[in-house]
Amino acid sequence: MPNYGSIKRFVLALAIFGIVSVAAGTARADIVVITGVNNQGTDNVLLNPATNVLTVTGTVGPNNLVVNFTSSSGSGLLSANPSGQATVSGGTGNTALTQLTFGLANNDTFTRAVFNINAATNGSVLIHVEGINIDGGFFEDDFTVDANGQNFFTVTAINGQLITSISLTGINGATFEDIRQVRLGGADVGEIPEPATMLLLGTGLIGVATGFRKRFGKK
């Protein structure tokens, strides 16, 4: 005969572990940056054509949220080509481009961004992420880029963080031909279960344990 008492204790232990994990998860905050593409839950930013402007604009998602692109390098002027791979490049006096910041207008937030840095020269990019609930107020780290046209990055906010803007700065000799194929995603795109999901999991496991007790308890 199966030892249903042991099974019940095991399931209850899993439930407690799940609930404790929720408590630990809500106290943590993480920005995860990977080299490569994770498009899950994201949409293409549809750029508006522009030449030599201080702010390039675009829209994203079914609600056509406005996306702004600005630069602090050179003259600060930017140009945008919405066709093909949808590029944002430096305008007159801002080539080669060395800095670009993008984010949603109207204080809207996102939790995932995918972009391709078309580097003109080899070096590194400093990725700076501003947002809500980020430890220390921001995330910042540098990553290698080379002049091959394929420097894809995916930035994801998890554990309740929300991104307001991402800044890209060329360092160690890196300059940008353009930034292209930008995609943004909302708060439901995280790969790690949200605390509410984990709580439901813990509650479900407790229910399973109760079911064992009711079904296999002494008659």
N, C-alpha and C. Protein backbone atom coordinates (compact mmCIF):
# COMPACT_ATOMS: atom_id res chain seq x y z
N MET A 1 0.84 -1.20 0.00
CA MET A 1 0.00 0.00 0.00
C MET A 1 0.88 1.26 0.00
N PRO A 2 0.52 2.25 -0.78
CA PRO A 2 1.30 3.49 -0.78
C PRO A 2 1.21 4.18 0.58
N ASN A 3 2.26 4.81 0.97
CA ASN A 3 2.29 5.57 2.21
C ASN A 3 1.75 6.96 1.93
N TYR A 4 0.40 7.09 2.04
CA TYR A 4 -0.23 8.36 1.67
C TYR A 4 0.11 9.48 2.65
N GLY A 5 0.46 9.11 3.88
CA GLY A 5 0.91 10.13 4.83
C GLY A 5 2.18 10.80 4.36
N SER A 6 3.12 10.01 3.83
CA SER A 6 4.36 10.56 3.31
C SER A 6 4.11 11.42 2.09
N ILE A 7 3.17 10.95 1.22
CA ILE A 7 2.84 11.73 0.02
C ILE A 7 2.26 13.07 0.41
N LYS A 8 1.36 13.05 1.41
CA LYS A 8 0.74 14.30 1.85
C LYS A 8 1.79 15.26 2.39
N ARG A 9 2.72 14.76 3.21
CA ARG A 9 3.75 15.62 3.77
C ARG A 9 4.65 16.20 2.68
N PHE A 10 4.93 15.38 1.63
CA PHE A 10 5.78 15.84 0.54
C PHE A 10 5.10 16.98 -0.24
N VAL A 11 3.80 16.79 -0.52
CA VAL A 11 3.08 17.82 -1.27
C VAL A 11 2.95 19.09 -0.46
N LEU A 12 2.70 18.94 0.85
CA LEU A 12 2.62 20.13 1.70
C LEU A 12 3.95 20.87 1.74
N ALA A 13 5.05 20.12 1.74
CA ALA A 13 6.38 20.74 1.73
C ALA A 13 6.60 21.53 0.46
N LEU A 14 6.15 20.96 -0.69
CA LEU A 14 6.26 21.69 -1.95
C LEU A 14 5.46 22.98 -1.92
N ALA A 15 4.26 22.90 -1.34
CA ALA A 15 3.41 24.08 -1.26
C ALA A 15 4.06 25.16 -0.43
N ILE A 16 4.63 24.77 0.71
CA ILE A 16 5.28 25.75 1.58
C ILE A 16 6.47 26.37 0.87
N PHE A 17 7.23 25.52 0.15
CA PHE A 17 8.39 26.03 -0.60
C PHE A 17 7.95 27.06 -1.63
N GLY A 18 6.82 26.78 -2.33
CA GLY A 18 6.32 27.70 -3.34
C GLY A 18 5.93 29.03 -2.75
N ILE A 19 5.28 29.01 -1.57
CA ILE A 19 4.85 30.24 -0.94
C ILE A 19 6.05 31.02 -0.42
N VAL A 20 7.04 30.33 0.17
CA VAL A 20 8.26 31.00 0.63
C VAL A 20 8.99 31.63 -0.54
N SER A 21 8.99 30.93 -1.69
CA SER A 21 9.64 31.46 -2.88
C SER A 21 8.99 32.75 -3.33
N VAL A 22 7.64 32.84 -3.17
CA VAL A 22 6.94 34.07 -3.52
C VAL A 22 7.45 35.21 -2.68
N ALA A 23 7.56 34.98 -1.37
CA ALA A 23 8.02 36.03 -0.48
C ALA A 23 9.42 36.47 -0.85
N ALA A 24 10.29 35.52 -1.19
CA ALA A 24 11.66 35.87 -1.57
C ALA A 24 11.68 36.61 -2.90
N GLY A 25 10.82 36.17 -3.85
CA GLY A 25 10.82 36.77 -5.17
C GLY A 25 10.38 38.21 -5.16
N THR A 26 9.39 38.56 -4.34
CA THR A 26 8.90 39.93 -4.32
C THR A 26 9.92 40.88 -3.71
N ALA A 27 10.88 40.35 -2.96
CA ALA A 27 11.90 41.20 -2.34
C ALA A 27 13.06 41.45 -3.30
N ARG A 28 13.15 40.67 -4.37
CA ARG A 28 14.23 40.80 -5.32
C ARG A 28 13.77 41.60 -6.54
N ALA A 29 14.74 42.11 -7.28
CA ALA A 29 14.43 42.78 -8.54
C ALA A 29 15.59 42.56 -9.47
N ASP A 30 15.30 42.30 -10.73
CA ASP A 30 16.36 41.97 -11.67
C ASP A 30 16.08 42.54 -13.04
N ILE A 31 17.13 43.04 -13.67
CA ILE A 31 17.14 43.34 -15.10
C ILE A 31 18.06 42.31 -15.73
N VAL A 32 17.54 41.57 -16.70
CA VAL A 32 18.32 40.52 -17.35
C VAL A 32 18.64 40.97 -18.77
N VAL A 33 19.91 40.99 -19.11
CA VAL A 33 20.35 41.34 -20.47
C VAL A 33 21.05 40.13 -21.07
N ILE A 34 20.59 39.71 -22.24
CA ILE A 34 21.24 38.62 -22.95
C ILE A 34 21.64 39.09 -24.34
N THR A 35 22.71 38.51 -24.86
CA THR A 35 23.06 38.76 -26.26
C THR A 35 22.29 37.75 -27.09
N GLY A 36 21.44 38.24 -27.96
CA GLY A 36 20.57 37.38 -28.75
C GLY A 36 19.15 37.91 -28.72
N VAL A 37 18.23 37.12 -29.25
CA VAL A 37 16.86 37.57 -29.45
C VAL A 37 15.88 36.68 -28.70
N ASN A 38 15.03 37.31 -27.88
CA ASN A 38 13.86 36.66 -27.32
C ASN A 38 12.67 37.56 -27.61
N ASN A 39 11.96 37.25 -28.68
CA ASN A 39 10.87 38.11 -29.15
C ASN A 39 9.54 37.86 -28.45
N GLN A 40 9.49 36.91 -27.54
CA GLN A 40 8.20 36.54 -26.95
C GLN A 40 7.52 37.76 -26.31
N GLY A 41 6.28 37.98 -26.69
CA GLY A 41 5.50 39.06 -26.11
C GLY A 41 5.86 40.45 -26.58
N THR A 42 6.65 40.57 -27.65
CA THR A 42 7.06 41.89 -28.12
C THR A 42 6.45 42.20 -29.49
N ASP A 43 6.44 43.48 -29.81
CA ASP A 43 5.97 43.95 -31.12
C ASP A 43 7.01 44.88 -31.73
N ASN A 44 7.05 44.91 -33.05
CA ASN A 44 7.94 45.84 -33.75
C ASN A 44 7.56 47.29 -33.45
N VAL A 45 8.56 48.13 -33.23
CA VAL A 45 8.33 49.57 -33.17
C VAL A 45 8.25 50.08 -34.60
N LEU A 46 7.11 50.66 -34.95
CA LEU A 46 6.88 51.18 -36.30
C LEU A 46 7.32 52.64 -36.32
N LEU A 47 8.44 52.90 -36.97
CA LEU A 47 9.03 54.24 -36.96
C LEU A 47 8.33 55.19 -37.92
N ASN A 48 8.29 56.46 -37.55
CA ASN A 48 7.88 57.50 -38.47
C ASN A 48 9.12 58.00 -39.21
N PRO A 49 9.05 58.19 -40.53
CA PRO A 49 10.23 58.67 -41.27
C PRO A 49 10.65 60.04 -40.77
N ALA A 50 11.97 60.24 -40.67
CA ALA A 50 12.46 61.52 -40.15
C ALA A 50 13.88 61.77 -40.66
N THR A 51 14.22 63.06 -40.81
CA THR A 51 15.57 63.46 -41.20
C THR A 51 15.99 64.66 -40.37
N ASN A 52 17.10 64.50 -39.65
CA ASN A 52 17.67 65.58 -38.85
C ASN A 52 16.66 66.19 -37.87
N VAL A 53 16.16 65.35 -36.97
CA VAL A 53 15.25 65.81 -35.92
C VAL A 53 15.86 65.49 -34.56
N LEU A 54 15.41 66.20 -33.55
CA LEU A 54 15.91 65.95 -32.20
C LEU A 54 15.25 64.74 -31.55
N THR A 55 14.02 64.42 -31.98
CA THR A 55 13.31 63.27 -31.43
C THR A 55 12.67 62.47 -32.57
N VAL A 56 13.13 61.25 -32.74
CA VAL A 56 12.48 60.32 -33.66
C VAL A 56 11.34 59.66 -32.91
N THR A 57 10.20 59.50 -33.56
CA THR A 57 9.05 58.87 -32.91
C THR A 57 8.62 57.62 -33.68
N GLY A 58 7.88 56.78 -32.97
CA GLY A 58 7.30 55.59 -33.56
C GLY A 58 6.14 55.14 -32.70
N THR A 59 5.52 54.04 -33.06
CA THR A 59 4.43 53.47 -32.27
C THR A 59 4.65 51.97 -32.11
N VAL A 60 4.04 51.41 -31.07
CA VAL A 60 4.20 49.98 -30.82
C VAL A 60 2.93 49.41 -30.21
N GLY A 61 2.62 48.17 -30.59
CA GLY A 61 1.52 47.44 -29.98
C GLY A 61 0.16 47.82 -30.51
N PRO A 62 -0.88 47.08 -30.08
CA PRO A 62 -2.24 47.33 -30.57
C PRO A 62 -2.80 48.67 -30.15
N ASN A 63 -2.24 49.26 -29.08
CA ASN A 63 -2.72 50.57 -28.63
C ASN A 63 -1.90 51.72 -29.21
N ASN A 64 -0.97 51.40 -30.11
CA ASN A 64 -0.15 52.42 -30.77
C ASN A 64 0.50 53.37 -29.76
N LEU A 65 1.14 52.78 -28.74
CA LEU A 65 1.86 53.60 -27.78
C LEU A 65 3.03 54.30 -28.45
N VAL A 66 3.26 55.55 -28.07
CA VAL A 66 4.30 56.36 -28.71
C VAL A 66 5.67 56.02 -28.12
N VAL A 67 6.65 55.80 -29.00
CA VAL A 67 8.02 55.54 -28.61
C VAL A 67 8.88 56.71 -29.07
N ASN A 68 9.74 57.22 -28.17
CA ASN A 68 10.63 58.33 -28.49
C ASN A 68 12.09 57.87 -28.51
N PHE A 69 12.85 58.37 -29.46
CA PHE A 69 14.29 58.13 -29.56
C PHE A 69 15.00 59.47 -29.54
N THR A 70 15.99 59.62 -28.65
CA THR A 70 16.78 60.85 -28.58
C THR A 70 18.26 60.48 -28.47
N SER A 71 19.10 61.48 -28.68
CA SER A 71 20.55 61.24 -28.61
C SER A 71 21.23 62.42 -27.93
N SER A 72 22.28 62.10 -27.15
CA SER A 72 23.07 63.16 -26.51
C SER A 72 24.44 63.30 -27.16
N SER A 73 24.68 62.57 -28.24
CA SER A 73 25.99 62.64 -28.91
C SER A 73 25.95 63.64 -30.06
N GLY A 74 27.11 64.21 -30.36
CA GLY A 74 27.21 65.12 -31.50
C GLY A 74 26.21 66.26 -31.44
N SER A 75 25.54 66.48 -32.56
CA SER A 75 24.53 67.53 -32.65
C SER A 75 23.21 67.14 -32.00
N GLY A 76 23.06 65.86 -31.67
CA GLY A 76 21.80 65.37 -31.11
C GLY A 76 20.75 65.06 -32.16
N LEU A 77 21.06 65.34 -33.42
CA LEU A 77 20.09 65.11 -34.48
C LEU A 77 20.05 63.64 -34.88
N LEU A 78 18.85 63.18 -35.23
CA LEU A 78 18.64 61.79 -35.63
C LEU A 78 17.83 61.73 -36.91
N SER A 79 17.97 60.60 -37.60
CA SER A 79 17.14 60.30 -38.77
C SER A 79 16.57 58.91 -38.61
N ALA A 80 15.44 58.64 -39.26
CA ALA A 80 14.80 57.33 -39.15
C ALA A 80 14.33 56.86 -40.51
N ASN A 81 14.57 55.58 -40.77
CA ASN A 81 14.09 54.95 -42.00
C ASN A 81 13.17 53.80 -41.60
N PRO A 82 11.85 53.92 -41.82
CA PRO A 82 10.91 52.91 -41.36
C PRO A 82 10.85 51.66 -42.24
N SER A 83 11.45 51.70 -43.40
CA SER A 83 11.34 50.55 -44.31
C SER A 83 12.41 49.52 -43.99
N GLY A 84 12.21 48.32 -44.49
CA GLY A 84 13.20 47.26 -44.30
C GLY A 84 13.39 46.92 -42.84
N GLN A 85 14.61 47.14 -42.33
CA GLN A 85 14.92 46.78 -40.95
C GLN A 85 14.65 47.91 -39.96
N ALA A 86 14.01 48.99 -40.38
CA ALA A 86 13.58 50.09 -39.51
C ALA A 86 14.72 50.59 -38.65
N THR A 87 15.49 51.53 -39.17
CA THR A 87 16.71 52.00 -38.51
C THR A 87 16.56 53.42 -37.97
N VAL A 88 17.26 53.66 -36.84
CA VAL A 88 17.46 55.00 -36.32
C VAL A 88 18.95 55.29 -36.38
N SER A 89 19.33 56.36 -37.06
CA SER A 89 20.74 56.68 -37.27
C SER A 89 21.00 58.12 -36.89
N GLY A 90 22.29 58.49 -36.83
CA GLY A 90 22.65 59.86 -36.52
C GLY A 90 22.36 60.78 -37.69
N GLY A 91 21.92 62.00 -37.37
CA GLY A 91 21.70 63.01 -38.40
C GLY A 91 22.97 63.82 -38.63
N THR A 92 22.81 64.93 -39.32
CA THR A 92 23.95 65.80 -39.61
C THR A 92 24.64 66.23 -38.32
N GLY A 93 25.95 66.03 -38.26
CA GLY A 93 26.71 66.38 -37.06
C GLY A 93 26.63 65.35 -35.96
N ASN A 94 25.99 64.22 -36.22
CA ASN A 94 25.87 63.17 -35.20
C ASN A 94 26.24 61.82 -35.80
N THR A 95 27.27 61.83 -36.63
CA THR A 95 27.81 60.59 -37.19
C THR A 95 29.33 60.61 -37.02
N ALA A 96 29.92 59.51 -36.58
CA ALA A 96 29.21 58.28 -36.24
C ALA A 96 28.47 58.44 -34.90
N LEU A 97 27.30 57.83 -34.84
CA LEU A 97 26.45 57.90 -33.66
C LEU A 97 27.11 57.14 -32.50
N THR A 98 27.10 57.75 -31.30
CA THR A 98 27.70 57.08 -30.14
C THR A 98 26.74 56.96 -28.96
N GLN A 99 25.54 57.54 -29.06
CA GLN A 99 24.59 57.44 -27.94
C GLN A 99 23.16 57.52 -28.45
N LEU A 100 22.30 56.68 -27.87
CA LEU A 100 20.87 56.69 -28.22
C LEU A 100 20.07 56.25 -27.01
N THR A 101 18.98 56.96 -26.74
CA THR A 101 18.05 56.60 -25.65
C THR A 101 16.67 56.43 -26.24
N PHE A 102 15.97 55.36 -25.82
CA PHE A 102 14.59 55.18 -26.28
C PHE A 102 13.70 54.72 -25.13
N GLY A 103 12.42 55.06 -25.25
CA GLY A 103 11.43 54.68 -24.25
C GLY A 103 10.06 55.14 -24.68
N LEU A 104 9.05 54.74 -23.91
CA LEU A 104 7.68 55.11 -24.22
C LEU A 104 7.36 56.51 -23.69
N ALA A 105 6.52 57.22 -24.44
CA ALA A 105 6.07 58.54 -24.00
C ALA A 105 5.02 58.40 -22.91
N ASN A 106 4.67 59.53 -22.29
CA ASN A 106 3.56 59.60 -21.33
C ASN A 106 3.78 58.72 -20.10
N ASN A 107 5.04 58.52 -19.72
CA ASN A 107 5.38 57.72 -18.55
C ASN A 107 4.91 56.27 -18.64
N ASP A 108 4.64 55.78 -19.84
CA ASP A 108 4.30 54.37 -20.01
C ASP A 108 5.56 53.53 -19.81
N THR A 109 5.36 52.27 -19.44
CA THR A 109 6.48 51.39 -19.13
C THR A 109 6.41 50.11 -19.95
N PHE A 110 7.53 49.39 -19.99
CA PHE A 110 7.58 48.11 -20.69
C PHE A 110 8.48 47.18 -19.91
N THR A 111 8.46 45.90 -20.26
CA THR A 111 9.26 44.93 -19.52
C THR A 111 10.22 44.14 -20.41
N ARG A 112 10.18 44.36 -21.70
CA ARG A 112 11.16 43.69 -22.58
C ARG A 112 11.45 44.57 -23.79
N ALA A 113 12.73 44.60 -24.17
CA ALA A 113 13.15 45.29 -25.38
C ALA A 113 14.14 44.42 -26.13
N VAL A 114 13.99 44.40 -27.44
CA VAL A 114 14.92 43.69 -28.31
C VAL A 114 15.42 44.70 -29.35
N PHE A 115 16.73 44.71 -29.59
CA PHE A 115 17.27 45.66 -30.57
C PHE A 115 18.58 45.11 -31.13
N ASN A 116 18.94 45.64 -32.30
CA ASN A 116 20.15 45.24 -33.00
C ASN A 116 21.03 46.47 -33.19
N ILE A 117 22.21 46.45 -32.60
CA ILE A 117 23.16 47.55 -32.76
C ILE A 117 24.03 47.26 -33.98
N ASN A 118 23.86 48.07 -35.02
CA ASN A 118 24.68 47.96 -36.21
C ASN A 118 25.92 48.82 -35.99
N ALA A 119 26.96 48.19 -35.42
CA ALA A 119 28.15 48.94 -35.03
C ALA A 119 29.01 49.26 -36.24
N ALA A 120 29.52 50.49 -36.29
CA ALA A 120 30.44 50.89 -37.36
C ALA A 120 31.86 50.48 -37.03
N THR A 121 32.17 50.42 -35.73
CA THR A 121 33.50 50.02 -35.29
C THR A 121 33.38 49.09 -34.09
N ASN A 122 34.40 48.29 -33.87
CA ASN A 122 34.42 47.37 -32.74
C ASN A 122 34.58 48.13 -31.42
N GLY A 123 34.10 47.52 -30.35
CA GLY A 123 34.24 48.10 -29.02
C GLY A 123 33.22 47.52 -28.08
N SER A 124 32.63 48.37 -27.25
CA SER A 124 31.62 47.91 -26.27
C SER A 124 30.46 48.89 -26.26
N VAL A 125 29.32 48.41 -25.77
CA VAL A 125 28.16 49.27 -25.56
C VAL A 125 27.81 49.24 -24.08
N LEU A 126 27.61 50.40 -23.51
CA LEU A 126 27.13 50.52 -22.14
C LEU A 126 25.62 50.61 -22.18
N ILE A 127 24.95 49.59 -21.63
CA ILE A 127 23.48 49.56 -21.60
C ILE A 127 23.02 50.04 -20.24
N HIS A 128 22.28 51.14 -20.23
CA HIS A 128 21.79 51.78 -19.01
C HIS A 128 20.26 51.72 -19.02
N VAL A 129 19.68 51.12 -17.99
CA VAL A 129 18.23 50.92 -17.92
C VAL A 129 17.66 51.70 -16.74
N GLU A 130 16.71 52.59 -17.03
CA GLU A 130 15.98 53.31 -15.99
C GLU A 130 14.60 52.71 -15.86
N GLY A 131 14.05 52.76 -14.63
CA GLY A 131 12.71 52.20 -14.47
C GLY A 131 12.19 52.28 -13.06
N ILE A 132 11.22 51.44 -12.78
CA ILE A 132 10.53 51.42 -11.49
C ILE A 132 10.89 50.13 -10.77
N ASN A 133 11.16 50.23 -9.47
CA ASN A 133 11.50 49.08 -8.61
C ASN A 133 12.85 48.46 -8.94
N ILE A 134 13.71 49.18 -9.63
CA ILE A 134 15.03 48.66 -9.96
C ILE A 134 15.98 48.93 -8.79
N ASP A 135 16.69 47.91 -8.33
CA ASP A 135 17.63 48.07 -7.23
C ASP A 135 18.64 49.17 -7.54
N GLY A 136 18.79 50.13 -6.63
CA GLY A 136 19.73 51.22 -6.84
C GLY A 136 19.24 52.29 -7.79
N GLY A 137 18.05 52.12 -8.34
CA GLY A 137 17.46 53.13 -9.22
C GLY A 137 17.72 52.92 -10.69
N PHE A 138 18.75 52.11 -11.04
CA PHE A 138 19.01 51.86 -12.45
C PHE A 138 19.87 50.61 -12.57
N PHE A 139 19.93 50.08 -13.79
CA PHE A 139 20.82 48.96 -14.13
C PHE A 139 21.81 49.46 -15.16
N GLU A 140 23.06 49.01 -15.06
CA GLU A 140 24.07 49.43 -16.04
C GLU A 140 25.14 48.35 -16.17
N ASP A 141 25.48 48.00 -17.40
CA ASP A 141 26.56 47.05 -17.66
C ASP A 141 27.03 47.24 -19.10
N ASP A 142 28.25 46.77 -19.40
CA ASP A 142 28.76 46.93 -20.75
C ASP A 142 28.94 45.57 -21.42
N PHE A 143 28.79 45.58 -22.76
CA PHE A 143 28.82 44.36 -23.55
C PHE A 143 29.60 44.62 -24.84
N THR A 144 30.26 43.60 -25.32
CA THR A 144 31.07 43.72 -26.53
C THR A 144 30.19 43.82 -27.77
N VAL A 145 30.58 44.70 -28.70
CA VAL A 145 29.93 44.77 -30.01
C VAL A 145 31.03 44.79 -31.07
N ASP A 146 30.70 44.27 -32.24
CA ASP A 146 31.66 44.34 -33.33
C ASP A 146 30.95 44.77 -34.61
N ALA A 147 31.75 45.17 -35.58
CA ALA A 147 31.21 45.78 -36.79
C ALA A 147 30.76 44.74 -37.81
N ASN A 148 29.83 43.89 -37.39
CA ASN A 148 29.31 42.87 -38.32
C ASN A 148 27.83 43.05 -38.60
N GLY A 149 27.20 44.06 -37.99
CA GLY A 149 25.79 44.34 -38.25
C GLY A 149 24.81 43.47 -37.50
N GLN A 150 25.31 42.56 -36.65
CA GLN A 150 24.41 41.66 -35.94
C GLN A 150 24.79 41.62 -34.46
N ASN A 151 24.47 42.69 -33.74
CA ASN A 151 24.70 42.75 -32.29
C ASN A 151 23.34 42.86 -31.60
N PHE A 152 22.63 41.71 -31.56
CA PHE A 152 21.30 41.68 -30.97
C PHE A 152 21.39 41.57 -29.45
N PHE A 153 20.52 42.32 -28.78
CA PHE A 153 20.40 42.24 -27.32
C PHE A 153 18.92 42.16 -26.95
N THR A 154 18.64 41.44 -25.85
CA THR A 154 17.31 41.40 -25.26
C THR A 154 17.42 41.83 -23.81
N VAL A 155 16.66 42.86 -23.44
CA VAL A 155 16.63 43.36 -22.07
C VAL A 155 15.26 43.04 -21.48
N THR A 156 15.25 42.33 -20.35
CA THR A 156 13.99 41.91 -19.74
C THR A 156 13.95 42.32 -18.27
N ALA A 157 12.84 42.92 -17.86
CA ALA A 157 12.61 43.25 -16.45
C ALA A 157 11.72 42.17 -15.85
N ILE A 158 12.13 41.63 -14.69
CA ILE A 158 11.34 40.59 -14.02
C ILE A 158 11.13 40.98 -12.56
N ASN A 159 10.32 40.17 -11.87
CA ASN A 159 10.07 40.37 -10.44
C ASN A 159 9.53 41.76 -10.12
N GLY A 160 8.60 42.22 -10.95
CA GLY A 160 7.90 43.47 -10.65
C GLY A 160 8.56 44.73 -11.14
N GLN A 161 9.68 44.62 -11.84
CA GLN A 161 10.31 45.82 -12.38
C GLN A 161 9.63 46.28 -13.66
N LEU A 162 9.70 47.58 -13.91
CA LEU A 162 9.14 48.17 -15.12
C LEU A 162 10.18 49.12 -15.70
N ILE A 163 10.39 49.03 -17.00
CA ILE A 163 11.40 49.85 -17.66
C ILE A 163 10.75 51.11 -18.22
N THR A 164 11.41 52.25 -18.00
CA THR A 164 10.94 53.51 -18.59
C THR A 164 11.80 53.93 -19.77
N SER A 165 13.11 53.64 -19.72
CA SER A 165 13.98 54.00 -20.85
C SER A 165 15.23 53.14 -20.85
N ILE A 166 15.82 52.99 -22.03
CA ILE A 166 17.09 52.28 -22.21
C ILE A 166 18.03 53.20 -22.99
N SER A 167 19.24 53.38 -22.46
CA SER A 167 20.25 54.20 -23.14
C SER A 167 21.41 53.32 -23.58
N LEU A 168 21.89 53.56 -24.79
CA LEU A 168 23.00 52.81 -25.36
C LEU A 168 24.13 53.80 -25.66
N THR A 169 25.31 53.52 -25.08
CA THR A 169 26.45 54.41 -25.27
C THR A 169 27.65 53.60 -25.75
N GLY A 170 28.24 54.02 -26.85
CA GLY A 170 29.43 53.35 -27.36
C GLY A 170 30.65 53.71 -26.53
N ILE A 171 31.41 52.70 -26.09
CA ILE A 171 32.64 52.92 -25.33
C ILE A 171 33.73 52.02 -25.90
N ASN A 172 34.95 52.24 -25.45
CA ASN A 172 36.09 51.44 -25.90
C ASN A 172 36.22 51.44 -27.43
N GLY A 173 35.90 52.59 -28.03
CA GLY A 173 36.08 52.75 -29.47
C GLY A 173 34.87 52.42 -30.32
N ALA A 174 33.78 51.95 -29.73
CA ALA A 174 32.60 51.57 -30.52
C ALA A 174 31.81 52.79 -30.97
N THR A 175 31.41 52.79 -32.23
CA THR A 175 30.47 53.76 -32.76
C THR A 175 29.37 52.99 -33.50
N PHE A 176 28.21 53.65 -33.67
CA PHE A 176 27.05 52.98 -34.25
C PHE A 176 26.73 53.54 -35.63
N GLU A 177 26.57 52.63 -36.57
CA GLU A 177 26.01 53.03 -37.87
C GLU A 177 24.54 53.37 -37.69
N ASP A 178 23.84 52.52 -36.95
CA ASP A 178 22.44 52.75 -36.61
C ASP A 178 22.02 51.73 -35.56
N ILE A 179 20.83 51.97 -34.99
CA ILE A 179 20.16 51.00 -34.11
C ILE A 179 18.92 50.56 -34.87
N ARG A 180 18.70 49.24 -34.99
CA ARG A 180 17.64 48.76 -35.86
C ARG A 180 16.82 47.65 -35.22
N GLN A 181 15.66 47.36 -35.85
CA GLN A 181 14.80 46.24 -35.46
C GLN A 181 14.43 46.28 -33.97
N VAL A 182 14.02 47.46 -33.50
CA VAL A 182 13.65 47.61 -32.09
C VAL A 182 12.25 47.04 -31.86
N ARG A 183 12.13 46.24 -30.82
CA ARG A 183 10.85 45.66 -30.42
C ARG A 183 10.65 45.90 -28.92
N LEU A 184 9.39 46.14 -28.52
CA LEU A 184 9.08 46.33 -27.11
C LEU A 184 7.93 45.42 -26.71
N GLY A 185 7.93 45.02 -25.44
CA GLY A 185 6.85 44.19 -24.91
C GLY A 185 6.39 44.68 -23.56
N GLY A 186 5.18 44.28 -23.19
CA GLY A 186 4.56 44.77 -21.96
C GLY A 186 4.83 43.92 -20.76
N ALA A 187 4.08 44.20 -19.68
CA ALA A 187 4.33 43.59 -18.38
C ALA A 187 3.98 42.11 -18.33
N ASP A 188 3.39 41.56 -19.37
CA ASP A 188 2.99 40.15 -19.34
C ASP A 188 3.94 39.27 -20.12
N VAL A 189 5.15 39.73 -20.39
CA VAL A 189 6.04 38.96 -21.26
C VAL A 189 7.13 38.23 -20.49
N GLY A 190 7.15 38.34 -19.16
CA GLY A 190 8.22 37.71 -18.39
C GLY A 190 8.17 36.20 -18.45
N GLU A 191 9.35 35.56 -18.46
CA GLU A 191 9.45 34.11 -18.50
C GLU A 191 9.30 33.50 -17.12
N ILE A 192 9.65 34.29 -16.07
CA ILE A 192 9.57 33.77 -14.70
C ILE A 192 8.18 34.05 -14.17
N PRO A 193 7.51 33.07 -13.50
CA PRO A 193 6.15 33.29 -13.01
C PRO A 193 6.07 34.49 -12.09
N GLU A 194 4.99 35.27 -12.24
CA GLU A 194 4.75 36.38 -11.35
C GLU A 194 4.39 35.85 -9.96
N PRO A 195 4.55 36.70 -8.90
CA PRO A 195 4.20 36.24 -7.55
C PRO A 195 2.79 35.69 -7.44
N ALA A 196 1.83 36.31 -8.14
CA ALA A 196 0.45 35.81 -8.07
C ALA A 196 0.35 34.40 -8.61
N THR A 197 1.10 34.12 -9.69
CA THR A 197 1.11 32.78 -10.26
C THR A 197 1.67 31.78 -9.28
N MET A 198 2.78 32.14 -8.62
CA MET A 198 3.39 31.26 -7.64
C MET A 198 2.45 31.00 -6.47
N LEU A 199 1.69 32.05 -6.06
CA LEU A 199 0.75 31.88 -4.97
C LEU A 199 -0.34 30.90 -5.34
N LEU A 200 -0.83 30.99 -6.58
CA LEU A 200 -1.83 30.04 -7.05
C LEU A 200 -1.27 28.63 -7.06
N LEU A 201 0.02 28.50 -7.47
CA LEU A 201 0.65 27.19 -7.46
C LEU A 201 0.69 26.62 -6.05
N GLY A 202 1.11 27.45 -5.08
CA GLY A 202 1.16 26.98 -3.71
C GLY A 202 -0.21 26.59 -3.20
N THR A 203 -1.23 27.41 -3.53
CA THR A 203 -2.60 27.09 -3.11
C THR A 203 -3.07 25.79 -3.73
N GLY A 204 -2.72 25.58 -5.01
CA GLY A 204 -3.11 24.35 -5.69
C GLY A 204 -2.48 23.13 -5.06
N LEU A 205 -1.21 23.24 -4.68
CA LEU A 205 -0.54 22.11 -4.04
C LEU A 205 -1.16 21.79 -2.70
N ILE A 206 -1.54 22.83 -1.94
CA ILE A 206 -2.23 22.58 -0.68
C ILE A 206 -3.54 21.86 -0.93
N GLY A 207 -4.25 22.26 -2.01
CA GLY A 207 -5.49 21.59 -2.36
C GLY A 207 -5.28 20.13 -2.69
N VAL A 208 -4.19 19.83 -3.41
CA VAL A 208 -3.88 18.44 -3.71
C VAL A 208 -3.66 17.65 -2.44
N ALA A 209 -2.90 18.24 -1.50
CA ALA A 209 -2.65 17.54 -0.23
C ALA A 209 -3.95 17.28 0.51
N THR A 210 -4.84 18.26 0.51
CA THR A 210 -6.14 18.08 1.18
C THR A 210 -6.93 16.97 0.51
N GLY A 211 -6.85 16.92 -0.84
CA GLY A 211 -7.55 15.87 -1.56
C GLY A 211 -7.04 14.50 -1.18
N PHE A 212 -5.73 14.34 -1.04
CA PHE A 212 -5.15 13.09 -0.59
C PHE A 212 -5.72 12.71 0.77
N ARG A 213 -5.79 13.69 1.67
CA ARG A 213 -6.25 13.39 3.03
C ARG A 213 -7.70 12.95 3.00
N LYS A 214 -8.52 13.64 2.19
CA LYS A 214 -9.94 13.29 2.15
C LYS A 214 -10.14 11.92 1.49
N ARG A 215 -9.34 11.66 0.44
CA ARG A 215 -9.57 10.43 -0.30
C ARG A 215 -9.01 9.21 0.40
N PHE A 216 -7.84 9.37 1.04
CA PHE A 216 -7.15 8.22 1.57
C PHE A 216 -7.06 8.22 3.09
N GLY A 217 -7.81 9.11 3.76
CA GLY A 217 -7.83 9.11 5.22
C GLY A 217 -8.51 7.87 5.75
N LYS A 218 -8.42 7.69 7.07
CA LYS A 218 -9.04 6.52 7.67
C LYS A 218 -10.54 6.55 7.51
N LYS A 219 -11.11 5.38 7.23
CA LYS A 219 -12.55 5.28 7.05
C LYS A 219 -13.21 4.94 8.38
